[in-house]
């Protein structure tokens, strides 16, 4: 089913903490703006990991381009975020900045999650 047919745009997401052992995943609504989406991600992290005042500048936001499944493409501005929202299938990956890898095969939890969703 295409995202454009749904009343809201949804994405499959994975968030990985810097220890590369703490993570969460599921489905999330792609809010109308990047700022709103980051706010929802912050709330999800705070709730799931029982944290307060998570600094989202410590995290980078990516999507997996299904044309090139090995690389993460950074979502750094609202214009690109809007383009991602138009995709049929959306896979969002949020990594702590301490994780330097950008190829999902080098990040075992992300690779296992992604391969399990296909």
PDB file of N, CA and C in Angstrom:
ATOM      1  N   UNK A   1       0.854  -1.179   0.000  1.00  0.00           N
ATOM      2  CA  UNK A   1       0.000   0.000   0.000  1.00  0.00           C
ATOM      3  C   UNK A   1       0.900   1.242   0.000  1.00  0.00           C
ATOM      4  N   UNK A   2       0.606   2.169  -0.815  1.00  0.00           N
ATOM      5  CA  UNK A   2       1.422   3.379  -0.914  1.00  0.00           C
ATOM      6  C   UNK A   2       1.086   4.361   0.187  1.00  0.00           C
ATOM      7  N   UNK A   3       2.110   5.094   0.659  1.00  0.00           N
ATOM      8  CA  UNK A   3       1.885   6.099   1.693  1.00  0.00           C
ATOM      9  C   UNK A   3       0.886   7.157   1.253  1.00  0.00           C
ATOM     10  N   UNK A   4       0.874   7.494  -0.017  1.00  0.00           N
ATOM     11  CA  UNK A   4      -0.030   8.539  -0.494  1.00  0.00           C
ATOM     12  C   UNK A   4      -1.493   8.141  -0.361  1.00  0.00           C
ATOM     13  N   UNK A   5      -1.780   6.852  -0.226  1.00  0.00           N
ATOM     14  CA  UNK A   5      -3.146   6.380  -0.075  1.00  0.00           C
ATOM     15  C   UNK A   5      -3.600   6.406   1.380  1.00  0.00           C
ATOM     16  N   UNK A   6      -2.691   6.578   2.302  1.00  0.00           N
ATOM     17  CA  UNK A   6      -3.013   6.579   3.723  1.00  0.00           C
ATOM     18  C   UNK A   6      -3.377   7.986   4.190  1.00  0.00           C
ATOM     19  N   UNK A   7      -4.185   8.088   5.231  1.00  0.00           N
ATOM     20  CA  UNK A   7      -4.528   9.418   5.735  1.00  0.00           C
ATOM     21  C   UNK A   7      -3.311  10.135   6.324  1.00  0.00           C
ATOM     22  N   UNK A   8      -2.330   9.382   6.759  1.00  0.00           N
ATOM     23  CA  UNK A   8      -1.094   9.981   7.250  1.00  0.00           C
ATOM     24  C   UNK A   8       0.077   9.189   6.692  1.00  0.00           C
ATOM     25  N   UNK A   9       1.222   9.805   6.654  1.00  0.00           N
ATOM     26  CA  UNK A   9       2.422   9.146   6.162  1.00  0.00           C
ATOM     27  C   UNK A   9       3.083   8.453   7.344  1.00  0.00           C
ATOM     28  N   UNK A  10       3.396   7.178   7.177  1.00  0.00           N
ATOM     29  CA  UNK A  10       4.035   6.414   8.231  1.00  0.00           C
ATOM     30  C   UNK A  10       5.374   5.859   7.752  1.00  0.00           C
ATOM     31  N   UNK A  11       6.230   5.560   8.716  1.00  0.00           N
ATOM     32  CA  UNK A  11       7.545   4.999   8.408  1.00  0.00           C
ATOM     33  C   UNK A  11       7.887   3.928   9.428  1.00  0.00           C
ATOM     34  N   UNK A  12       8.670   2.983   8.997  1.00  0.00           N
ATOM     35  CA  UNK A  12       9.252   2.009   9.898  1.00  0.00           C
ATOM     36  C   UNK A  12      10.531   2.661  10.428  1.00  0.00           C
ATOM     37  N   UNK A  13      10.740   2.655  11.757  1.00  0.00           N
ATOM     38  CA  UNK A  13      11.895   3.371  12.293  1.00  0.00           C
ATOM     39  C   UNK A  13      12.721   2.519  13.241  1.00  0.00           C
ATOM     40  N   UNK A  14      13.985   2.917  13.375  1.00  0.00           N
ATOM     41  CA  UNK A  14      14.933   2.260  14.275  1.00  0.00           C
ATOM     42  C   UNK A  14      15.817   3.339  14.882  1.00  0.00           C
ATOM     43  N   UNK A  15      15.899   3.372  16.202  1.00  0.00           N
ATOM     44  CA  UNK A  15      16.751   4.338  16.899  1.00  0.00           C
ATOM     45  C   UNK A  15      17.806   3.550  17.669  1.00  0.00           C
ATOM     46  N   UNK A  16      19.076   3.936  17.502  1.00  0.00           N
ATOM     47  CA  UNK A  16      20.181   3.222  18.135  1.00  0.00           C
ATOM     48  C   UNK A  16      21.012   4.171  18.982  1.00  0.00           C
ATOM     49  N   UNK A  17      21.188   3.798  20.248  1.00  0.00           N
ATOM     50  CA  UNK A  17      21.990   4.578  21.183  1.00  0.00           C
ATOM     51  C   UNK A  17      23.470   4.296  20.947  1.00  0.00           C
ATOM     52  N   UNK A  18      24.335   5.131  21.503  1.00  0.00           N
ATOM     53  CA  UNK A  18      25.779   5.049  21.236  1.00  0.00           C
ATOM     54  C   UNK A  18      26.421   3.745  21.686  1.00  0.00           C
ATOM     55  N   UNK A  19      25.827   3.034  22.649  1.00  0.00           N
ATOM     56  CA  UNK A  19      26.409   1.757  23.077  1.00  0.00           C
ATOM     57  C   UNK A  19      26.150   0.642  22.053  1.00  0.00           C
ATOM     58  N   UNK A  20      25.359   0.925  21.045  1.00  0.00           N
ATOM     59  CA  UNK A  20      24.982   0.020  19.964  1.00  0.00           C
ATOM     60  C   UNK A  20      24.271  -1.235  20.469  1.00  0.00           C
ATOM     61  N   UNK A  21      23.789  -1.186  21.716  1.00  0.00           N
ATOM     62  CA  UNK A  21      23.022  -2.289  22.276  1.00  0.00           C
ATOM     63  C   UNK A  21      21.626  -1.839  22.689  1.00  0.00           C
ATOM     64  N   UNK A  22      21.461  -0.550  22.922  1.00  0.00           N
ATOM     65  CA  UNK A  22      20.178   0.002  23.321  1.00  0.00           C
ATOM     66  C   UNK A  22      19.500   0.557  22.076  1.00  0.00           C
ATOM     67  N   UNK A  23      18.301   0.066  21.796  1.00  0.00           N
ATOM     68  CA  UNK A  23      17.609   0.490  20.591  1.00  0.00           C
ATOM     69  C   UNK A  23      16.107   0.387  20.796  1.00  0.00           C
ATOM     70  N   UNK A  24      15.385   1.003  19.881  1.00  0.00           N
ATOM     71  CA  UNK A  24      13.943   0.820  19.810  1.00  0.00           C
ATOM     72  C   UNK A  24      13.510   0.938  18.369  1.00  0.00           C
ATOM     73  N   UNK A  25      12.402   0.306  18.056  1.00  0.00           N
ATOM     74  CA  UNK A  25      11.911   0.345  16.684  1.00  0.00           C
ATOM     75  C   UNK A  25      10.405   0.198  16.654  1.00  0.00           C
ATOM     76  N   UNK A  26       9.833   0.438  15.504  1.00  0.00           N
ATOM     77  CA  UNK A  26       8.396   0.323  15.317  1.00  0.00           C
ATOM     78  C   UNK A  26       7.947   1.159  14.134  1.00  0.00           C
ATOM     79  N   UNK A  27       6.685   1.569  14.192  1.00  0.00           N
ATOM     80  CA  UNK A  27       6.111   2.431  13.160  1.00  0.00           C
ATOM     81  C   UNK A  27       5.886   3.800  13.763  1.00  0.00           C
ATOM     82  N   UNK A  28       6.057   4.826  12.943  1.00  0.00           N
ATOM     83  CA  UNK A  28       5.908   6.190  13.421  1.00  0.00           C
ATOM     84  C   UNK A  28       5.256   7.043  12.330  1.00  0.00           C
ATOM     85  N   UNK A  29       4.501   8.015  12.762  1.00  0.00           N
ATOM     86  CA  UNK A  29       3.889   8.962  11.832  1.00  0.00           C
ATOM     87  C   UNK A  29       4.935   9.977  11.394  1.00  0.00           C
ATOM     88  N   UNK A  30       5.004  10.221  10.102  1.00  0.00           N
ATOM     89  CA  UNK A  30       5.909  11.235   9.563  1.00  0.00           C
ATOM     90  C   UNK A  30       5.165  12.570   9.627  1.00  0.00           C
ATOM     91  N   UNK A  31       5.470  13.350  10.634  1.00  0.00           N
ATOM     92  CA  UNK A  31       4.796  14.625  10.869  1.00  0.00           C
ATOM     93  C   UNK A  31       4.982  15.560   9.677  1.00  0.00           C
ATOM     94  N   UNK A  32       4.152  16.613   9.569  1.00  0.00           N
ATOM     95  CA  UNK A  32       4.223  17.524   8.418  1.00  0.00           C
ATOM     96  C   UNK A  32       5.571  18.224   8.232  1.00  0.00           C
ATOM     97  N   UNK A  33       6.304  18.472   9.322  1.00  0.00           N
ATOM     98  CA  UNK A  33       7.604  19.137   9.179  1.00  0.00           C
ATOM     99  C   UNK A  33       8.691  18.341   9.899  1.00  0.00           C
ATOM    100  N   UNK A  34       9.924  18.554   9.491  1.00  0.00           N
ATOM    101  CA  UNK A  34      11.054  17.892  10.111  1.00  0.00           C
ATOM    102  C   UNK A  34      11.141  18.236  11.595  1.00  0.00           C
ATOM    103  N   UNK A  35      10.920  19.475  11.939  1.00  0.00           N
ATOM    104  CA  UNK A  35      10.981  19.905  13.340  1.00  0.00           C
ATOM    105  C   UNK A  35       9.962  19.137  14.188  1.00  0.00           C
ATOM    106  N   UNK A  36       8.749  18.997  13.687  1.00  0.00           N
ATOM    107  CA  UNK A  36       7.719  18.257  14.419  1.00  0.00           C
ATOM    108  C   UNK A  36       8.088  16.777  14.529  1.00  0.00           C
ATOM    109  N   UNK A  37       8.653  16.226  13.469  1.00  0.00           N
ATOM    110  CA  UNK A  37       9.043  14.820  13.479  1.00  0.00           C
ATOM    111  C   UNK A  37      10.140  14.569  14.515  1.00  0.00           C
ATOM    112  N   UNK A  38      11.123  15.438  14.565  1.00  0.00           N
ATOM    113  CA  UNK A  38      12.202  15.297  15.553  1.00  0.00           C
ATOM    114  C   UNK A  38      11.637  15.393  16.969  1.00  0.00           C
ATOM    115  N   UNK A  39      10.648  16.235  17.167  1.00  0.00           N
ATOM    116  CA  UNK A  39      10.004  16.348  18.474  1.00  0.00           C
ATOM    117  C   UNK A  39       9.330  15.032  18.873  1.00  0.00           C
ATOM    118  N   UNK A  40       8.661  14.388  17.922  1.00  0.00           N
ATOM    119  CA  UNK A  40       8.022  13.100  18.193  1.00  0.00           C
ATOM    120  C   UNK A  40       9.078  12.042  18.513  1.00  0.00           C
ATOM    121  N   UNK A  41      10.181  12.043  17.771  1.00  0.00           N
ATOM    122  CA  UNK A  41      11.278  11.102  18.054  1.00  0.00           C
ATOM    123  C   UNK A  41      11.824  11.318  19.459  1.00  0.00           C
ATOM    124  N   UNK A  42      12.011  12.575  19.844  1.00  0.00           N
ATOM    125  CA  UNK A  42      12.506  12.903  21.187  1.00  0.00           C
ATOM    126  C   UNK A  42      11.558  12.329  22.245  1.00  0.00           C
ATOM    127  N   UNK A  43      10.269  12.555  22.070  1.00  0.00           N
ATOM    128  CA  UNK A  43       9.281  12.038  23.021  1.00  0.00           C
ATOM    129  C   UNK A  43       9.332  10.519  23.104  1.00  0.00           C
ATOM    130  N   UNK A  44       9.499   9.867  21.960  1.00  0.00           N
ATOM    131  CA  UNK A  44       9.567   8.407  21.931  1.00  0.00           C
ATOM    132  C   UNK A  44      10.791   7.900  22.693  1.00  0.00           C
ATOM    133  N   UNK A  45      11.938   8.542  22.498  1.00  0.00           N
ATOM    134  CA  UNK A  45      13.160   8.159  23.202  1.00  0.00           C
ATOM    135  C   UNK A  45      12.994   8.386  24.701  1.00  0.00           C
ATOM    136  N   UNK A  46      12.502   9.546  25.070  1.00  0.00           N
ATOM    137  CA  UNK A  46      12.336   9.865  26.494  1.00  0.00           C
ATOM    138  C   UNK A  46      11.396   8.872  27.174  1.00  0.00           C
ATOM    139  N   UNK A  47      10.303   8.547  26.524  1.00  0.00           N
ATOM    140  CA  UNK A  47       9.336   7.614  27.101  1.00  0.00           C
ATOM    141  C   UNK A  47       9.902   6.196  27.168  1.00  0.00           C
ATOM    142  N   UNK A  48      10.442   5.709  26.053  1.00  0.00           N
ATOM    143  CA  UNK A  48      10.896   4.321  25.969  1.00  0.00           C
ATOM    144  C   UNK A  48      12.119   4.038  26.828  1.00  0.00           C
ATOM    145  N   UNK A  49      13.028   4.985  26.899  1.00  0.00           N
ATOM    146  CA  UNK A  49      14.254   4.777  27.662  1.00  0.00           C
ATOM    147  C   UNK A  49      14.207   5.450  29.031  1.00  0.00           C
ATOM    148  N   UNK A  50      13.046   5.975  29.378  1.00  0.00           N
ATOM    149  CA  UNK A  50      12.829   6.629  30.675  1.00  0.00           C
ATOM    150  C   UNK A  50      13.894   7.692  30.943  1.00  0.00           C
ATOM    151  N   UNK A  51      14.083   8.569  29.973  1.00  0.00           N
ATOM    152  CA  UNK A  51      15.033   9.665  30.074  1.00  0.00           C
ATOM    153  C   UNK A  51      14.281  10.987  30.090  1.00  0.00           C
ATOM    154  N   UNK A  52      14.962  12.038  30.520  1.00  0.00           N
ATOM    155  CA  UNK A  52      14.384  13.376  30.485  1.00  0.00           C
ATOM    156  C   UNK A  52      15.274  14.287  29.663  1.00  0.00           C
ATOM    157  N   UNK A  53      14.681  15.196  28.939  1.00  0.00           N
ATOM    158  CA  UNK A  53      15.392  16.225  28.179  1.00  0.00           C
ATOM    159  C   UNK A  53      16.483  15.659  27.275  1.00  0.00           C
ATOM    160  N   UNK A  54      16.119  14.721  26.414  1.00  0.00           N
ATOM    161  CA  UNK A  54      17.060  14.156  25.454  1.00  0.00           C
ATOM    162  C   UNK A  54      17.475  15.249  24.469  1.00  0.00           C
ATOM    163  N   UNK A  55      18.781  15.389  24.281  1.00  0.00           N
ATOM    164  CA  UNK A  55      19.320  16.378  23.346  1.00  0.00           C
ATOM    165  C   UNK A  55      19.405  15.746  21.959  1.00  0.00           C
ATOM    166  N   UNK A  56      18.471  16.113  21.094  1.00  0.00           N
ATOM    167  CA  UNK A  56      18.419  15.508  19.765  1.00  0.00           C
ATOM    168  C   UNK A  56      19.574  15.941  18.870  1.00  0.00           C
ATOM    169  N   UNK A  57      20.345  16.928  19.273  1.00  0.00           N
ATOM    170  CA  UNK A  57      21.535  17.280  18.487  1.00  0.00           C
ATOM    171  C   UNK A  57      22.598  16.191  18.605  1.00  0.00           C
ATOM    172  N   UNK A  58      22.422  15.248  19.542  1.00  0.00           N
ATOM    173  CA  UNK A  58      23.334  14.115  19.676  1.00  0.00           C
ATOM    174  C   UNK A  58      22.966  12.964  18.742  1.00  0.00           C
ATOM    175  N   UNK A  59      21.929  13.151  17.948  1.00  0.00           N
ATOM    176  CA  UNK A  59      21.454  12.108  17.048  1.00  0.00           C
ATOM    177  C   UNK A  59      21.396  12.631  15.622  1.00  0.00           C
ATOM    178  N   UNK A  60      21.640  11.727  14.684  1.00  0.00           N
ATOM    179  CA  UNK A  60      21.518  12.046  13.266  1.00  0.00           C
ATOM    180  C   UNK A  60      20.383  11.218  12.687  1.00  0.00           C
ATOM    181  N   UNK A  61      19.657  11.818  11.776  1.00  0.00           N
ATOM    182  CA  UNK A  61      18.480  11.198  11.182  1.00  0.00           C
ATOM    183  C   UNK A  61      18.790  10.789   9.744  1.00  0.00           C
ATOM    184  N   UNK A  62      18.455   9.537   9.412  1.00  0.00           N
ATOM    185  CA  UNK A  62      18.726   8.999   8.080  1.00  0.00           C
ATOM    186  C   UNK A  62      17.499   8.261   7.553  1.00  0.00           C
ATOM    187  N   UNK A  63      17.512   8.019   6.253  1.00  0.00           N
ATOM    188  CA  UNK A  63      16.578   7.056   5.685  1.00  0.00           C
ATOM    189  C   UNK A  63      17.394   6.091   4.846  1.00  0.00           C
ATOM    190  N   UNK A  64      16.850   4.901   4.670  1.00  0.00           N
ATOM    191  CA  UNK A  64      17.504   3.902   3.834  1.00  0.00           C
ATOM    192  C   UNK A  64      16.912   4.008   2.447  1.00  0.00           C
ATOM    193  N   UNK A  65      17.759   4.319   1.496  1.00  0.00           N
ATOM    194  CA  UNK A  65      17.336   4.410   0.101  1.00  0.00           C
ATOM    195  C   UNK A  65      17.217   2.989  -0.436  1.00  0.00           C
ATOM    196  N   UNK A  66      16.025   2.581  -0.808  1.00  0.00           N
ATOM    197  CA  UNK A  66      15.816   1.214  -1.274  1.00  0.00           C
ATOM    198  C   UNK A  66      16.514   0.920  -2.588  1.00  0.00           C
ATOM    199  N   UNK A  67      16.936   1.954  -3.311  1.00  0.00           N
ATOM    200  CA  UNK A  67      17.721   1.769  -4.531  1.00  0.00           C
ATOM    201  C   UNK A  67      19.159   1.379  -4.180  1.00  0.00           C
ATOM    202  N   UNK A  68      19.638   1.819  -3.030  1.00  0.00           N
ATOM    203  CA  UNK A  68      21.011   1.578  -2.580  1.00  0.00           C
ATOM    204  C   UNK A  68      20.950   1.175  -1.116  1.00  0.00           C
ATOM    205  N   UNK A  69      20.650  -0.089  -0.855  1.00  0.00           N
ATOM    206  CA  UNK A  69      20.350  -0.572   0.491  1.00  0.00           C
ATOM    207  C   UNK A  69      21.539  -0.551   1.452  1.00  0.00           C
ATOM    208  N   UNK A  70      22.721  -0.299   0.969  1.00  0.00           N
ATOM    209  CA  UNK A  70      23.879  -0.326   1.853  1.00  0.00           C
ATOM    210  C   UNK A  70      24.146   0.991   2.565  1.00  0.00           C
ATOM    211  N   UNK A  71      23.693   2.092   2.010  1.00  0.00           N
ATOM    212  CA  UNK A  71      24.044   3.403   2.558  1.00  0.00           C
ATOM    213  C   UNK A  71      22.855   4.092   3.200  1.00  0.00           C
ATOM    214  N   UNK A  72      23.169   4.797   4.267  1.00  0.00           N
ATOM    215  CA  UNK A  72      22.188   5.652   4.929  1.00  0.00           C
ATOM    216  C   UNK A  72      22.289   7.034   4.316  1.00  0.00           C
ATOM    217  N   UNK A  73      21.157   7.638   4.031  1.00  0.00           N
ATOM    218  CA  UNK A  73      21.129   8.999   3.475  1.00  0.00           C
ATOM    219  C   UNK A  73      20.622   9.933   4.562  1.00  0.00           C
ATOM    220  N   UNK A  74      21.425  10.925   4.907  1.00  0.00           N
ATOM    221  CA  UNK A  74      21.073  11.822   6.004  1.00  0.00           C
ATOM    222  C   UNK A  74      19.917  12.750   5.623  1.00  0.00           C
ATOM    223  N   UNK A  75      19.018  12.918   6.556  1.00  0.00           N
ATOM    224  CA  UNK A  75      17.917  13.878   6.425  1.00  0.00           C
ATOM    225  C   UNK A  75      18.308  15.076   7.276  1.00  0.00           C
ATOM    226  N   UNK A  76      18.770  16.132   6.644  1.00  0.00           N
ATOM    227  CA  UNK A  76      19.298  17.271   7.402  1.00  0.00           C
ATOM    228  C   UNK A  76      18.488  18.552   7.242  1.00  0.00           C
ATOM    229  N   UNK A  77      17.533  18.550   6.301  1.00  0.00           N
ATOM    230  CA  UNK A  77      16.721  19.758   6.137  1.00  0.00           C
ATOM    231  C   UNK A  77      15.292  19.369   5.780  1.00  0.00           C
ATOM    232  N   UNK A  78      14.399  20.311   5.950  1.00  0.00           N
ATOM    233  CA  UNK A  78      12.979  20.049   5.740  1.00  0.00           C
ATOM    234  C   UNK A  78      12.665  19.710   4.281  1.00  0.00           C
ATOM    235  N   UNK A  79      13.388  20.300   3.347  1.00  0.00           N
ATOM    236  CA  UNK A  79      13.140  20.022   1.932  1.00  0.00           C
ATOM    237  C   UNK A  79      13.375  18.542   1.617  1.00  0.00           C
ATOM    238  N   UNK A  80      14.491  18.000   2.095  1.00  0.00           N
ATOM    239  CA  UNK A  80      14.782  16.583   1.862  1.00  0.00           C
ATOM    240  C   UNK A  80      13.796  15.703   2.634  1.00  0.00           C
ATOM    241  N   UNK A  81      13.445  16.113   3.836  1.00  0.00           N
ATOM    242  CA  UNK A  81      12.454  15.395   4.635  1.00  0.00           C
ATOM    243  C   UNK A  81      11.134  15.280   3.865  1.00  0.00           C
ATOM    244  N   UNK A  82      10.713  16.372   3.238  1.00  0.00           N
ATOM    245  CA  UNK A  82       9.469  16.353   2.458  1.00  0.00           C
ATOM    246  C   UNK A  82       9.571  15.382   1.285  1.00  0.00           C
ATOM    247  N   UNK A  83      10.734  15.292   0.674  1.00  0.00           N
ATOM    248  CA  UNK A  83      10.948  14.350  -0.422  1.00  0.00           C
ATOM    249  C   UNK A  83      10.818  12.916   0.104  1.00  0.00           C
ATOM    250  N   UNK A  84      11.437  12.636   1.266  1.00  0.00           N
ATOM    251  CA  UNK A  84      11.367  11.301   1.862  1.00  0.00           C
ATOM    252  C   UNK A  84       9.914  10.929   2.176  1.00  0.00           C
ATOM    253  N   UNK A  85       9.129  11.883   2.637  1.00  0.00           N
ATOM    254  CA  UNK A  85       7.724  11.634   2.981  1.00  0.00           C
ATOM    255  C   UNK A  85       6.912  11.149   1.776  1.00  0.00           C
ATOM    256  N   UNK A  86       7.375  11.410   0.567  1.00  0.00           N
ATOM    257  CA  UNK A  86       6.652  11.015  -0.647  1.00  0.00           C
ATOM    258  C   UNK A  86       6.974   9.586  -1.102  1.00  0.00           C
ATOM    259  N   UNK A  87       7.938   8.939  -0.470  1.00  0.00           N
ATOM    260  CA  UNK A  87       8.327   7.590  -0.879  1.00  0.00           C
ATOM    261  C   UNK A  87       7.233   6.582  -0.549  1.00  0.00           C
ATOM    262  N   UNK A  88       7.185   5.498  -1.307  1.00  0.00           N
ATOM    263  CA  UNK A  88       6.197   4.449  -1.061  1.00  0.00           C
ATOM    264  C   UNK A  88       6.486   3.707   0.237  1.00  0.00           C
ATOM    265  N   UNK A  89       7.751   3.374   0.467  1.00  0.00           N
ATOM    266  CA  UNK A  89       8.172   2.700   1.691  1.00  0.00           C
ATOM    267  C   UNK A  89       9.260   3.546   2.337  1.00  0.00           C
ATOM    268  N   UNK A  90       9.105   3.792   3.639  1.00  0.00           N
ATOM    269  CA  UNK A  90      10.059   4.657   4.324  1.00  0.00           C
ATOM    270  C   UNK A  90      10.667   3.914   5.507  1.00  0.00           C
ATOM    271  N   UNK A  91      11.995   3.868   5.537  1.00  0.00           N
ATOM    272  CA  UNK A  91      12.738   3.270   6.631  1.00  0.00           C
ATOM    273  C   UNK A  91      13.627   4.355   7.229  1.00  0.00           C
ATOM    274  N   UNK A  92      13.326   4.753   8.451  1.00  0.00           N
ATOM    275  CA  UNK A  92      14.064   5.807   9.141  1.00  0.00           C
ATOM    276  C   UNK A  92      15.021   5.176  10.145  1.00  0.00           C
ATOM    277  N   UNK A  93      16.248   5.676  10.158  1.00  0.00           N
ATOM    278  CA  UNK A  93      17.254   5.230  11.125  1.00  0.00           C
ATOM    279  C   UNK A  93      17.775   6.466  11.839  1.00  0.00           C
ATOM    280  N   UNK A  94      17.758   6.408  13.165  1.00  0.00           N
ATOM    281  CA  UNK A  94      18.267   7.495  13.988  1.00  0.00           C
ATOM    282  C   UNK A  94      19.452   6.928  14.767  1.00  0.00           C
ATOM    283  N   UNK A  95      20.630   7.522  14.552  1.00  0.00           N
ATOM    284  CA  UNK A  95      21.854   7.040  15.190  1.00  0.00           C
ATOM    285  C   UNK A  95      22.438   8.109  16.098  1.00  0.00           C
ATOM    286  N   UNK A  96      22.967   7.671  17.229  1.00  0.00           N
ATOM    287  CA  UNK A  96      23.719   8.584  18.073  1.00  0.00           C
ATOM    288  C   UNK A  96      24.972   9.011  17.299  1.00  0.00           C
ATOM    289  N   UNK A  97      25.382  10.259  17.477  1.00  0.00           N
ATOM    290  CA  UNK A  97      26.533  10.786  16.727  1.00  0.00           C
ATOM    291  C   UNK A  97      27.825  10.014  16.963  1.00  0.00           C
ATOM    292  N   UNK A  98      27.927   9.310  18.086  1.00  0.00           N
ATOM    293  CA  UNK A  98      29.134   8.530  18.357  1.00  0.00           C
ATOM    294  C   UNK A  98      29.278   7.320  17.437  1.00  0.00           C
ATOM    295  N   UNK A  99      28.210   6.933  16.777  1.00  0.00           N
ATOM    296  CA  UNK A  99      28.259   5.822  15.821  1.00  0.00           C
ATOM    297  C   UNK A  99      28.690   6.407  14.479  1.00  0.00           C
ATOM    298  N   UNK A 100      29.845   6.012  14.022  1.00  0.00           N
ATOM    299  CA  UNK A 100      30.436   6.631  12.831  1.00  0.00           C
ATOM    300  C   UNK A 100      30.103   5.914  11.531  1.00  0.00           C
ATOM    301  N   UNK A 101      29.612   4.684  11.604  1.00  0.00           N
ATOM    302  CA  UNK A 101      29.331   3.932  10.394  1.00  0.00           C
ATOM    303  C   UNK A 101      28.116   4.484   9.662  1.00  0.00           C
ATOM    304  N   UNK A 102      28.164   4.434   8.337  1.00  0.00           N
ATOM    305  CA  UNK A 102      27.044   4.900   7.514  1.00  0.00           C
ATOM    306  C   UNK A 102      26.611   3.836   6.505  1.00  0.00           C
ATOM    307  N   UNK A 103      27.158   2.654   6.653  1.00  0.00           N
ATOM    308  CA  UNK A 103      26.755   1.509   5.840  1.00  0.00           C
ATOM    309  C   UNK A 103      26.068   0.541   6.793  1.00  0.00           C
ATOM    310  N   UNK A 104      24.819   0.198   6.507  1.00  0.00           N
ATOM    311  CA  UNK A 104      24.051  -0.563   7.490  1.00  0.00           C
ATOM    312  C   UNK A 104      24.649  -1.929   7.803  1.00  0.00           C
ATOM    313  N   UNK A 105      25.382  -2.527   6.881  1.00  0.00           N
ATOM    314  CA  UNK A 105      26.008  -3.822   7.153  1.00  0.00           C
ATOM    315  C   UNK A 105      27.039  -3.724   8.279  1.00  0.00           C
ATOM    316  N   UNK A 106      27.556  -2.525   8.531  1.00  0.00           N
ATOM    317  CA  UNK A 106      28.546  -2.327   9.603  1.00  0.00           C
ATOM    318  C   UNK A 106      27.900  -2.010  10.950  1.00  0.00           C
ATOM    319  N   UNK A 107      26.585  -1.949  10.984  1.00  0.00           N
ATOM    320  CA  UNK A 107      25.861  -1.672  12.219  1.00  0.00           C
ATOM    321  C   UNK A 107      24.900  -2.845  12.431  1.00  0.00           C
ATOM    322  N   UNK A 108      25.361  -3.938  13.060  1.00  0.00           N
ATOM    323  CA  UNK A 108      24.560  -5.169  13.147  1.00  0.00           C
ATOM    324  C   UNK A 108      23.107  -4.998  13.589  1.00  0.00           C
ATOM    325  N   UNK A 109      22.789  -4.214  14.628  1.00  0.00           N
ATOM    326  CA  UNK A 109      21.367  -4.113  14.996  1.00  0.00           C
ATOM    327  C   UNK A 109      20.506  -3.503  13.882  1.00  0.00           C
ATOM    328  N   UNK A 110      21.042  -2.505  13.190  1.00  0.00           N
ATOM    329  CA  UNK A 110      20.301  -1.863  12.103  1.00  0.00           C
ATOM    330  C   UNK A 110      20.154  -2.842  10.933  1.00  0.00           C
ATOM    331  N   UNK A 111      21.222  -3.540  10.605  1.00  0.00           N
ATOM    332  CA  UNK A 111      21.191  -4.495   9.498  1.00  0.00           C
ATOM    333  C   UNK A 111      20.170  -5.602   9.757  1.00  0.00           C
ATOM    334  N   UNK A 112      20.194  -6.171  10.964  1.00  0.00           N
ATOM    335  CA  UNK A 112      19.256  -7.237  11.309  1.00  0.00           C
ATOM    336  C   UNK A 112      17.805  -6.749  11.270  1.00  0.00           C
ATOM    337  N   UNK A 113      17.569  -5.550  11.808  1.00  0.00           N
ATOM    338  CA  UNK A 113      16.221  -4.974  11.778  1.00  0.00           C
ATOM    339  C   UNK A 113      15.757  -4.767  10.335  1.00  0.00           C
ATOM    340  N   UNK A 114      16.602  -4.151   9.512  1.00  0.00           N
ATOM    341  CA  UNK A 114      16.224  -3.850   8.136  1.00  0.00           C
ATOM    342  C   UNK A 114      15.955  -5.129   7.345  1.00  0.00           C
ATOM    343  N   UNK A 115      16.824  -6.115   7.470  1.00  0.00           N
ATOM    344  CA  UNK A 115      16.640  -7.348   6.719  1.00  0.00           C
ATOM    345  C   UNK A 115      15.371  -8.067   7.186  1.00  0.00           C
ATOM    346  N   UNK A 116      15.019  -7.908   8.452  1.00  0.00           N
ATOM    347  CA  UNK A 116      13.810  -8.543   8.983  1.00  0.00           C
ATOM    348  C   UNK A 116      12.530  -7.859   8.558  1.00  0.00           C
ATOM    349  N   UNK A 117      12.625  -6.612   8.065  1.00  0.00           N
ATOM    350  CA  UNK A 117      11.422  -5.885   7.655  1.00  0.00           C
ATOM    351  C   UNK A 117      11.131  -6.044   6.168  1.00  0.00           C
ATOM    352  N   UNK A 118      12.088  -6.547   5.416  1.00  0.00           N
ATOM    353  CA  UNK A 118      11.883  -6.684   3.954  1.00  0.00           C
ATOM    354  C   UNK A 118      11.042  -7.894   3.627  1.00  0.00           C
TER     355      UNK A 118
END
